[in-house]
Amino acid sequence: MRGVILQPGYLPWLGFFDQMAWADVFVLYDDVQFTKRDWRSRNRIRTANGVTWLTVPILSKGRHLQKI
């Protein structure tokens, strides 16, 4: 039996879906501490004008362990 545990991200990379297909058991690990300006809330895409960043705005109140 093959198990995979991954954190979800904004616009996941293609390997994410490969690992989902490869695993017998797949777990989304979604109860973790959030880090700002990380790949979990942003991703790069190619456009006609070059590479640009897409970012999900996250509102926080300065608490490190708050749920979002």
PDB file of N, CA and C in Angstrom:
ATOM      1  N   MET A   1       0.845  -1.180   0.000  1.00  0.00           N
ATOM      2  CA  MET A   1       0.000   0.000   0.000  1.00  0.00           C
ATOM      3  C   MET A   1       0.886   1.237   0.000  1.00  0.00           C
ATOM      4  N   ARG A   2       0.546   2.198  -0.861  1.00  0.00           N
ATOM      5  CA  ARG A   2       1.304   3.444  -0.972  1.00  0.00           C
ATOM      6  C   ARG A   2       0.449   4.601  -0.483  1.00  0.00           C
ATOM      7  N   GLY A   3       1.000   5.355   0.441  1.00  0.00           N
ATOM      8  CA  GLY A   3       0.286   6.507   0.980  1.00  0.00           C
ATOM      9  C   GLY A   3       1.026   7.795   0.677  1.00  0.00           C
ATOM     10  N   VAL A   4       0.266   8.843   0.429  1.00  0.00           N
ATOM     11  CA  VAL A   4       0.837  10.165   0.156  1.00  0.00           C
ATOM     12  C   VAL A   4       0.088  11.183   1.004  1.00  0.00           C
ATOM     13  N   ILE A   5       0.848  12.058   1.681  1.00  0.00           N
ATOM     14  CA  ILE A   5       0.271  13.157   2.457  1.00  0.00           C
ATOM     15  C   ILE A   5       0.868  14.446   1.906  1.00  0.00           C
ATOM     16  N   LEU A   6       0.014  15.343   1.413  1.00  0.00           N
ATOM     17  CA  LEU A   6       0.477  16.603   0.836  1.00  0.00           C
ATOM     18  C   LEU A   6      -0.360  17.767   1.335  1.00  0.00           C
ATOM     19  N   GLN A   7       0.282  18.938   1.379  1.00  0.00           N
ATOM     20  CA  GLN A   7      -0.445  20.163   1.690  1.00  0.00           C
ATOM     21  C   GLN A   7      -1.044  20.721   0.409  1.00  0.00           C
ATOM     22  N   PRO A   8      -2.284  21.210   0.464  1.00  0.00           N
ATOM     23  CA  PRO A   8      -2.855  21.825  -0.730  1.00  0.00           C
ATOM     24  C   PRO A   8      -2.212  23.184  -0.985  1.00  0.00           C
ATOM     25  N   GLY A   9      -2.216  23.600  -2.215  1.00  0.00           N
ATOM     26  CA  GLY A   9      -1.668  24.899  -2.573  1.00  0.00           C
ATOM     27  C   GLY A   9      -2.517  25.560  -3.639  1.00  0.00           C
ATOM     28  N   TYR A  10      -2.281  26.832  -3.849  1.00  0.00           N
ATOM     29  CA  TYR A  10      -2.982  27.591  -4.881  1.00  0.00           C
ATOM     30  C   TYR A  10      -2.402  27.195  -6.231  1.00  0.00           C
ATOM     31  N   LEU A  11      -3.214  26.694  -7.126  1.00  0.00           N
ATOM     32  CA  LEU A  11      -2.782  26.164  -8.420  1.00  0.00           C
ATOM     33  C   LEU A  11      -1.659  25.139  -8.232  1.00  0.00           C
ATOM     34  N   PRO A  12      -1.979  23.942  -7.776  1.00  0.00           N
ATOM     35  CA  PRO A  12      -0.948  22.937  -7.476  1.00  0.00           C
ATOM     36  C   PRO A  12      -0.106  22.567  -8.700  1.00  0.00           C
ATOM     37  N   TRP A  13       1.111  22.170  -8.463  1.00  0.00           N
ATOM     38  CA  TRP A  13       2.025  21.733  -9.510  1.00  0.00           C
ATOM     39  C   TRP A  13       1.556  20.386 -10.056  1.00  0.00           C
ATOM     40  N   LEU A  14       1.972  20.027 -11.264  1.00  0.00           N
ATOM     41  CA  LEU A  14       1.501  18.801 -11.912  1.00  0.00           C
ATOM     42  C   LEU A  14       1.876  17.543 -11.136  1.00  0.00           C
ATOM     43  N   GLY A  15       3.013  17.557 -10.450  1.00  0.00           N
ATOM     44  CA  GLY A  15       3.424  16.406  -9.653  1.00  0.00           C
ATOM     45  C   GLY A  15       2.439  16.082  -8.542  1.00  0.00           C
ATOM     46  N   PHE A  16       1.712  17.075  -8.075  1.00  0.00           N
ATOM     47  CA  PHE A  16       0.676  16.879  -7.056  1.00  0.00           C
ATOM     48  C   PHE A  16      -0.346  15.865  -7.560  1.00  0.00           C
ATOM     49  N   PHE A  17      -0.792  16.034  -8.802  1.00  0.00           N
ATOM     50  CA  PHE A  17      -1.794  15.139  -9.374  1.00  0.00           C
ATOM     51  C   PHE A  17      -1.204  13.773  -9.709  1.00  0.00           C
ATOM     52  N   ASP A  18       0.069  13.734 -10.101  1.00  0.00           N
ATOM     53  CA  ASP A  18       0.741  12.453 -10.327  1.00  0.00           C
ATOM     54  C   ASP A  18       0.792  11.644  -9.038  1.00  0.00           C
ATOM     55  N   GLN A  19       1.115  12.312  -7.936  1.00  0.00           N
ATOM     56  CA  GLN A  19       1.192  11.613  -6.660  1.00  0.00           C
ATOM     57  C   GLN A  19      -0.180  11.137  -6.204  1.00  0.00           C
ATOM     58  N   MET A  20      -1.223  11.928  -6.488  1.00  0.00           N
ATOM     59  CA  MET A  20      -2.582  11.487  -6.162  1.00  0.00           C
ATOM     60  C   MET A  20      -2.918  10.202  -6.912  1.00  0.00           C
ATOM     61  N   ALA A  21      -2.576  10.147  -8.193  1.00  0.00           N
ATOM     62  CA  ALA A  21      -2.877   8.972  -9.009  1.00  0.00           C
ATOM     63  C   ALA A  21      -2.042   7.772  -8.586  1.00  0.00           C
ATOM     64  N   TRP A  22      -0.814   7.989  -8.127  1.00  0.00           N
ATOM     65  CA  TRP A  22       0.112   6.930  -7.746  1.00  0.00           C
ATOM     66  C   TRP A  22      -0.278   6.278  -6.424  1.00  0.00           C
ATOM     67  N   ALA A  23      -0.898   7.034  -5.531  1.00  0.00           N
ATOM     68  CA  ALA A  23      -1.150   6.571  -4.165  1.00  0.00           C
ATOM     69  C   ALA A  23      -2.388   5.691  -4.066  1.00  0.00           C
ATOM     70  N   ASP A  24      -2.316   4.745  -3.149  1.00  0.00           N
ATOM     71  CA  ASP A  24      -3.498   3.961  -2.781  1.00  0.00           C
ATOM     72  C   ASP A  24      -4.333   4.740  -1.766  1.00  0.00           C
ATOM     73  N   VAL A  25      -3.637   5.492  -0.899  1.00  0.00           N
ATOM     74  CA  VAL A  25      -4.295   6.331   0.106  1.00  0.00           C
ATOM     75  C   VAL A  25      -3.715   7.735  -0.025  1.00  0.00           C
ATOM     76  N   PHE A  26      -4.588   8.727  -0.190  1.00  0.00           N
ATOM     77  CA  PHE A  26      -4.149  10.110  -0.348  1.00  0.00           C
ATOM     78  C   PHE A  26      -4.783  10.962   0.740  1.00  0.00           C
ATOM     79  N   VAL A  27      -3.954  11.732   1.455  1.00  0.00           N
ATOM     80  CA  VAL A  27      -4.433  12.573   2.551  1.00  0.00           C
ATOM     81  C   VAL A  27      -4.019  14.013   2.274  1.00  0.00           C
ATOM     82  N   LEU A  28      -4.991  14.935   2.349  1.00  0.00           N
ATOM     83  CA  LEU A  28      -4.686  16.363   2.266  1.00  0.00           C
ATOM     84  C   LEU A  28      -4.406  16.872   3.675  1.00  0.00           C
ATOM     85  N   TYR A  29      -3.192  17.321   3.898  1.00  0.00           N
ATOM     86  CA  TYR A  29      -2.773  17.822   5.201  1.00  0.00           C
ATOM     87  C   TYR A  29      -3.053  19.322   5.227  1.00  0.00           C
ATOM     88  N   ASP A  30      -4.236  19.690   5.737  1.00  0.00           N
ATOM     89  CA  ASP A  30      -4.662  21.085   5.631  1.00  0.00           C
ATOM     90  C   ASP A  30      -4.777  21.818   6.963  1.00  0.00           C
ATOM     91  N   ASP A  31      -4.297  21.246   8.035  1.00  0.00           N
ATOM     92  CA  ASP A  31      -4.352  21.914   9.338  1.00  0.00           C
ATOM     93  C   ASP A  31      -2.928  22.220   9.797  1.00  0.00           C
ATOM     94  N   VAL A  32      -2.270  23.126   9.070  1.00  0.00           N
ATOM     95  CA  VAL A  32      -0.883  23.485   9.355  1.00  0.00           C
ATOM     96  C   VAL A  32      -0.776  24.996   9.510  1.00  0.00           C
ATOM     97  N   GLN A  33       0.336  25.446  10.060  1.00  0.00           N
ATOM     98  CA  GLN A  33       0.552  26.881  10.215  1.00  0.00           C
ATOM     99  C   GLN A  33       0.768  27.513   8.842  1.00  0.00           C
ATOM    100  N   PHE A  34       0.114  28.631   8.607  1.00  0.00           N
ATOM    101  CA  PHE A  34       0.208  29.332   7.331  1.00  0.00           C
ATOM    102  C   PHE A  34       1.406  30.266   7.337  1.00  0.00           C
ATOM    103  N   THR A  35       2.145  30.281   6.246  1.00  0.00           N
ATOM    104  CA  THR A  35       3.256  31.215   6.104  1.00  0.00           C
ATOM    105  C   THR A  35       2.946  32.172   4.958  1.00  0.00           C
ATOM    106  N   LYS A  36       3.068  33.448   5.225  1.00  0.00           N
ATOM    107  CA  LYS A  36       2.795  34.458   4.200  1.00  0.00           C
ATOM    108  C   LYS A  36       3.878  34.434   3.127  1.00  0.00           C
ATOM    109  N   ARG A  37       3.501  34.884   1.938  1.00  0.00           N
ATOM    110  CA  ARG A  37       4.409  34.988   0.796  1.00  0.00           C
ATOM    111  C   ARG A  37       5.087  33.660   0.487  1.00  0.00           C
ATOM    112  N   ASP A  38       4.316  32.606   0.536  1.00  0.00           N
ATOM    113  CA  ASP A  38       4.816  31.263   0.281  1.00  0.00           C
ATOM    114  C   ASP A  38       4.047  30.678  -0.893  1.00  0.00           C
ATOM    115  N   TRP A  39       4.488  29.572  -1.424  1.00  0.00           N
ATOM    116  CA  TRP A  39       3.836  28.945  -2.576  1.00  0.00           C
ATOM    117  C   TRP A  39       2.426  28.457  -2.266  1.00  0.00           C
ATOM    118  N   ARG A  40       2.047  28.370  -0.999  1.00  0.00           N
ATOM    119  CA  ARG A  40       0.698  27.914  -0.658  1.00  0.00           C
ATOM    120  C   ARG A  40      -0.371  28.942  -1.019  1.00  0.00           C
ATOM    121  N   SER A  41       0.021  30.209  -1.115  1.00  0.00           N
ATOM    122  CA  SER A  41      -0.956  31.245  -1.447  1.00  0.00           C
ATOM    123  C   SER A  41      -0.628  31.984  -2.743  1.00  0.00           C
ATOM    124  N   ARG A  42       0.427  31.575  -3.427  1.00  0.00           N
ATOM    125  CA  ARG A  42       0.790  32.261  -4.661  1.00  0.00           C
ATOM    126  C   ARG A  42       1.428  31.292  -5.638  1.00  0.00           C
ATOM    127  N   ASN A  43       1.401  31.674  -6.899  1.00  0.00           N
ATOM    128  CA  ASN A  43       1.997  30.850  -7.933  1.00  0.00           C
ATOM    129  C   ASN A  43       2.346  31.722  -9.129  1.00  0.00           C
ATOM    130  N   ARG A  44       3.308  31.269  -9.918  1.00  0.00           N
ATOM    131  CA  ARG A  44       3.716  31.995 -11.118  1.00  0.00           C
ATOM    132  C   ARG A  44       3.040  31.383 -12.337  1.00  0.00           C
ATOM    133  N   ILE A  45       2.652  32.230 -13.272  1.00  0.00           N
ATOM    134  CA  ILE A  45       2.124  31.756 -14.545  1.00  0.00           C
ATOM    135  C   ILE A  45       2.819  32.504 -15.674  1.00  0.00           C
ATOM    136  N   ARG A  46       2.851  31.884 -16.840  1.00  0.00           N
ATOM    137  CA  ARG A  46       3.397  32.544 -18.022  1.00  0.00           C
ATOM    138  C   ARG A  46       2.282  33.271 -18.744  1.00  0.00           C
ATOM    139  N   THR A  47       2.547  34.499 -19.123  1.00  0.00           N
ATOM    140  CA  THR A  47       1.594  35.288 -19.901  1.00  0.00           C
ATOM    141  C   THR A  47       2.294  35.777 -21.170  1.00  0.00           C
ATOM    142  N   ALA A  48       1.566  36.455 -22.012  1.00  0.00           N
ATOM    143  CA  ALA A  48       2.158  37.016 -23.229  1.00  0.00           C
ATOM    144  C   ALA A  48       3.248  38.034 -22.898  1.00  0.00           C
ATOM    145  N   ASN A  49       3.168  38.647 -21.711  1.00  0.00           N
ATOM    146  CA  ASN A  49       4.153  39.647 -21.283  1.00  0.00           C
ATOM    147  C   ASN A  49       5.246  39.066 -20.407  1.00  0.00           C
ATOM    148  N   GLY A  50       5.305  37.751 -20.280  1.00  0.00           N
ATOM    149  CA  GLY A  50       6.311  37.105 -19.446  1.00  0.00           C
ATOM    150  C   GLY A  50       5.678  36.463 -18.222  1.00  0.00           C
ATOM    151  N   VAL A  51       6.508  36.148 -17.255  1.00  0.00           N
ATOM    152  CA  VAL A  51       6.044  35.481 -16.036  1.00  0.00           C
ATOM    153  C   VAL A  51       5.443  36.503 -15.081  1.00  0.00           C
ATOM    154  N   THR A  52       4.329  36.149 -14.462  1.00  0.00           N
ATOM    155  CA  THR A  52       3.696  37.018 -13.466  1.00  0.00           C
ATOM    156  C   THR A  52       3.227  36.170 -12.291  1.00  0.00           C
ATOM    157  N   TRP A  53       3.045  36.801 -11.152  1.00  0.00           N
ATOM    158  CA  TRP A  53       2.601  36.110  -9.942  1.00  0.00           C
ATOM    159  C   TRP A  53       1.099  36.277  -9.757  1.00  0.00           C
ATOM    160  N   LEU A  54       0.418  35.199  -9.390  1.00  0.00           N
ATOM    161  CA  LEU A  54      -0.966  35.239  -8.930  1.00  0.00           C
ATOM    162  C   LEU A  54      -0.929  34.993  -7.432  1.00  0.00           C
ATOM    163  N   THR A  55      -1.551  35.860  -6.665  1.00  0.00           N
ATOM    164  CA  THR A  55      -1.523  35.748  -5.210  1.00  0.00           C
ATOM    165  C   THR A  55      -2.933  35.827  -4.650  1.00  0.00           C
ATOM    166  N   VAL A  56      -3.241  34.943  -3.710  1.00  0.00           N
ATOM    167  CA  VAL A  56      -4.522  34.974  -3.010  1.00  0.00           C
ATOM    168  C   VAL A  56      -4.365  35.915  -1.823  1.00  0.00           C
ATOM    169  N   PRO A  57      -5.178  36.979  -1.719  1.00  0.00           N
ATOM    170  CA  PRO A  57      -5.059  37.879  -0.568  1.00  0.00           C
ATOM    171  C   PRO A  57      -5.559  37.191   0.700  1.00  0.00           C
ATOM    172  N   ILE A  58      -4.758  37.241   1.740  1.00  0.00           N
ATOM    173  CA  ILE A  58      -5.098  36.627   3.022  1.00  0.00           C
ATOM    174  C   ILE A  58      -5.199  37.729   4.066  1.00  0.00           C
ATOM    175  N   LEU A  59      -6.349  37.836   4.699  1.00  0.00           N
ATOM    176  CA  LEU A  59      -6.532  38.815   5.768  1.00  0.00           C
ATOM    177  C   LEU A  59      -6.224  38.148   7.094  1.00  0.00           C
ATOM    178  N   SER A  60      -5.328  38.739   7.844  1.00  0.00           N
ATOM    179  CA  SER A  60      -4.986  38.192   9.158  1.00  0.00           C
ATOM    180  C   SER A  60      -4.932  39.323  10.168  1.00  0.00           C
ATOM    181  N   LYS A  61      -5.011  38.955  11.418  1.00  0.00           N
ATOM    182  CA  LYS A  61      -5.004  39.935  12.502  1.00  0.00           C
ATOM    183  C   LYS A  61      -3.710  39.863  13.294  1.00  0.00           C
ATOM    184  N   GLY A  62      -2.652  39.334  12.675  1.00  0.00           N
ATOM    185  CA  GLY A  62      -1.361  39.293  13.330  1.00  0.00           C
ATOM    186  C   GLY A  62      -1.159  38.111  14.256  1.00  0.00           C
ATOM    187  N   ARG A  63      -2.155  37.253  14.371  1.00  0.00           N
ATOM    188  CA  ARG A  63      -1.997  36.081  15.230  1.00  0.00           C
ATOM    189  C   ARG A  63      -1.404  34.950  14.404  1.00  0.00           C
ATOM    190  N   HIS A  64      -0.381  34.309  14.941  1.00  0.00           N
ATOM    191  CA  HIS A  64       0.322  33.274  14.179  1.00  0.00           C
ATOM    192  C   HIS A  64      -0.495  31.999  14.010  1.00  0.00           C
ATOM    193  N   LEU A  65      -1.341  31.661  14.935  1.00  0.00           N
ATOM    194  CA  LEU A  65      -2.049  30.383  14.873  1.00  0.00           C
ATOM    195  C   LEU A  65      -3.527  30.536  14.543  1.00  0.00           C
ATOM    196  N   GLN A  66      -3.932  31.681  13.997  1.00  0.00           N
ATOM    197  CA  GLN A  66      -5.351  31.870  13.695  1.00  0.00           C
ATOM    198  C   GLN A  66      -5.742  31.052  12.470  1.00  0.00           C
ATOM    199  N   LYS A  67      -6.983  30.619  12.428  1.00  0.00           N
ATOM    200  CA  LYS A  67      -7.518  29.905  11.273  1.00  0.00           C
ATOM    201  C   LYS A  67      -7.824  30.917  10.177  1.00  0.00           C
ATOM    202  N   ILE A  68      -7.584  30.526   8.937  1.00  0.00           N
ATOM    203  CA  ILE A  68      -7.907  31.415   7.813  1.00  0.00           C
ATOM    204  C   ILE A  68      -8.937  30.754   6.926  1.00  0.00           C
TER     205      ILE A  68
END
